[in-house]
Every structure is written in structure tokens, then in C-alpha cells.
Protein backbone atom coordinates (compact mmCIF):
# COMPACT_ATOMS: atom_id res chain seq x y z
CA MET A 1 5.76 9.80 -14.51
CA LEU A 2 5.96 6.54 -12.57
CA PRO A 3 7.32 6.66 -9.02
CA ASN A 4 10.42 4.96 -7.70
CA ILE A 5 8.95 2.44 -5.22
CA VAL A 6 10.71 -0.34 -3.33
CA LEU A 7 8.62 -3.46 -2.65
CA LYS A 8 10.02 -5.67 0.09
CA PRO A 9 9.70 -9.47 -0.45
CA ALA A 10 6.86 -9.78 2.10
CA ALA A 11 4.85 -7.08 0.26
CA VAL A 12 5.46 -8.81 -3.09
CA LYS A 13 4.19 -12.10 -1.63
CA PHE A 14 1.09 -10.45 -0.10
CA ILE A 15 0.19 -8.49 -3.24
CA SER A 16 0.77 -11.55 -5.46
CA ARG A 17 -1.61 -13.61 -3.34
CA ILE A 18 -4.30 -10.93 -3.38
CA VAL A 19 -4.22 -10.79 -7.18
CA ARG A 20 -3.84 -14.55 -7.70
CA PHE A 21 -6.74 -15.49 -5.37
CA SER A 22 -9.02 -12.73 -6.68
CA GLY A 23 -10.29 -14.96 -9.48
CA LEU A 24 -9.51 -12.27 -12.04
CA PRO A 25 -8.01 -13.19 -15.45
CA ALA A 26 -4.33 -13.05 -16.37
CA GLY A 27 -3.10 -9.48 -16.58
CA ALA A 28 -5.01 -8.44 -13.47
CA GLY A 29 -3.28 -6.09 -11.07
CA PHE A 30 -3.33 -4.38 -7.71
CA ARG A 31 -4.96 -0.95 -7.44
CA LEU A 32 -3.24 1.08 -4.76
CA ALA A 33 -4.81 4.44 -3.89
CA VAL A 34 -2.74 6.59 -1.55
CA SER A 35 -3.73 10.06 -0.40
CA PRO A 36 -2.55 12.50 2.27
CA GLY A 37 -3.94 11.87 5.73
CA GLY A 38 -3.43 10.04 8.97
CA CYS A 39 -0.64 10.43 11.49
CA SER A 40 1.96 8.96 9.15
CA GLY A 41 0.94 11.17 6.24
CA TYR A 42 -0.73 8.35 4.27
CA SER A 43 -4.27 7.11 3.90
CA SER A 44 -4.54 4.06 1.67
CA GLU A 45 -6.99 1.69 -0.01
CA PHE A 46 -6.31 -1.24 -2.33
CA SER A 47 -8.08 -3.90 -4.36
CA ALA A 48 -7.44 -6.49 -7.06
CA GLU A 49 -8.61 -5.25 -10.47
CA ALA A 50 -8.87 -6.72 -13.97
CA ALA A 51 -7.47 -3.56 -15.62
CA PRO A 52 -6.32 -0.05 -14.72
CA GLY A 53 -9.03 2.57 -14.30
CA PRO A 54 -9.26 5.92 -16.09
CA GLY A 55 -6.21 8.08 -15.38
CA GLU A 56 -4.24 5.22 -13.80
CA GLN A 57 -0.82 4.15 -14.99
CA VAL A 58 0.63 0.65 -14.66
CA LEU A 59 3.84 0.19 -12.71
CA GLU A 60 5.37 -3.28 -13.05
CA ILE A 61 7.58 -4.43 -10.20
CA GLU A 62 8.72 -8.00 -9.52
CA GLY A 63 6.17 -9.31 -12.04
CA LEU A 64 3.32 -7.45 -10.33
CA ARG A 65 1.11 -4.87 -12.01
CA LEU A 66 0.33 -1.91 -9.75
CA PHE A 67 -2.45 0.42 -10.93
CA LEU A 68 -1.71 3.93 -9.65
CA GLY A 69 -3.65 7.16 -10.03
CA ALA A 70 -1.87 10.53 -10.30
CA GLU A 71 -2.06 11.40 -6.59
CA SER A 72 -0.78 7.96 -5.59
CA ARG A 73 2.14 8.23 -8.01
CA LEU A 74 3.20 11.50 -6.38
CA MET A 75 2.76 10.23 -2.82
CA LEU A 76 4.68 6.99 -3.40
CA GLU A 77 7.88 8.51 -4.79
CA GLY A 78 10.77 7.00 -2.83
CA VAL A 79 8.50 4.99 -0.51
CA ILE A 80 9.33 1.50 0.76
CA VAL A 81 6.31 -0.85 0.82
CA ASP A 82 6.45 -3.84 3.16
CA PHE A 83 4.03 -6.25 4.81
CA ALA A 84 3.88 -6.69 8.58
CA ASP A 85 2.20 -9.63 10.30
CA THR A 86 2.37 -9.51 14.08
CA PRO A 87 0.04 -10.76 16.84
CA THR A 88 -1.57 -7.30 17.05
CA GLN A 89 -1.64 -6.14 13.42
CA SER A 90 -1.37 -7.32 9.86
CA GLY A 91 -1.13 -5.24 6.71
CA LEU A 92 0.93 -3.24 4.26
CA THR A 93 3.30 -0.63 5.64
CA PHE A 94 4.55 2.43 3.82
CA THR A 95 7.84 3.97 4.91
CA ASN A 96 9.05 7.26 3.51
CA PRO A 97 12.67 7.64 4.59
CA ASN A 98 12.52 11.37 3.85
CA GLN A 99 9.49 12.11 6.08
CA ALA A 100 9.81 13.54 9.58
CA ALA A 101 8.53 11.53 12.53
CA CYS A 102 5.00 12.20 13.77
CA GLY A 103 4.74 14.20 17.00
CA CYS A 104 1.66 12.32 18.21
CA SER A 105 3.34 8.94 18.68
CA SER A 106 2.12 6.99 21.69
CA ALA A 107 5.37 5.05 21.93
CA SER A 108 6.93 5.12 25.37
CA SER A 109 10.55 5.98 25.96
CA GLU A 110 11.25 2.28 26.59
CA SER A 111 9.84 1.22 23.21
CA PRO A 112 11.95 1.23 20.07
CA ALA A 113 11.72 4.38 18.02
CA PRO A 114 8.56 4.49 15.88
CA VAL A 115 9.00 3.70 12.21
CA VAL A 116 8.87 6.93 10.26
CA GLY A 117 6.04 7.36 7.74
CA VAL A 118 4.20 4.07 8.30
CA THR A 119 0.56 3.38 7.47
CA LYS A 120 -1.01 0.01 8.18
CA ILE A 121 -3.83 -1.44 6.10
CA GLU A 122 -5.82 -4.17 7.78
CA ILE A 123 -6.50 -7.41 5.90
CA GLY A 124 -10.25 -6.84 6.31
CA ALA A 125 -9.96 -3.67 4.22
CA ILE A 126 -9.34 -5.68 1.06
CA GLY A 127 -11.96 -5.24 -1.65
CA ARG A 128 -12.31 -6.51 -5.19
CA GLY A 129 -13.57 -4.40 -8.04
CA ARG A 130 -14.25 -1.27 -6.01
CA PRO A 131 -12.61 0.77 -3.25
CA ALA A 132 -12.27 -1.17 -0.01
CA SER A 133 -14.36 1.45 1.85
CA LEU A 134 -17.34 0.51 -0.36
CA ALA A 135 -16.87 -3.27 -0.25
CA SER A 136 -19.46 -5.24 1.66
């Protein structure tokens, strides 16, 4: 079963560029591996790939091909994927509107409320052809 995911325009633009500039042939896609972990509840890796791997299904959104394994499909149900680019951080964000806020937030009472269920992936974590944690 494929998840119901919302891709915000900034995420579509970011993912499109990753795939387009990867040098891979037409039909290439974006492998997104999401697993439980981290303060927000998500730990994520991604890469541009020529084809889906074993056990992955293809989810097409906005002309993009997302390659998702079983665990990722479960974790991404109802999630909103966006891209944030600020002076202090740049990367994909994952917001689950049904997830409770994390109790370890370092936000002060003067700061706006923390975004619920957000994980940031740094630009430097991008790999091609293998998980970003193994890319050199």
C-alpha cells in the first residue's frame, strides 16, 4: 500500500533538482528511507537512484518518482514533506500533523512553538547510488 504524502512546492523543487543533476537516465527517482528515531520520531536518508531497489514501491507525485521501502511507506502515511532553507539550516522537513510534540525541545518560551514531527536532512547528507551514510 502506498502512503498518502503531501509534497510542498519547495520539496518538489529540491527533489527534482537532486534527480535531474544526478546524471542518471530518464526514469530515475528519489530513494527516501525513513525509520523511527530522533527527537521528532524520524530518521531519514535519501539518494537519487536509477531504479527502485528490492522490496521498494514507486510513488509518483508531481511528476517525481519516490522509491519507498515498506518501513518508509508506513512511517510516511499522512506526512507533509517540505524543504527549509534558512541561514542556520537547509534540508527536507517531515511534519506529521497527528504526532505529539517532543518533550525535549530546546525552544524558549519566547520562541514560536516548535513544529511538530520535523526532521531535517542536511544537504551534505545527499548520496547517489547508495545510502547517504555510506557515501564518501
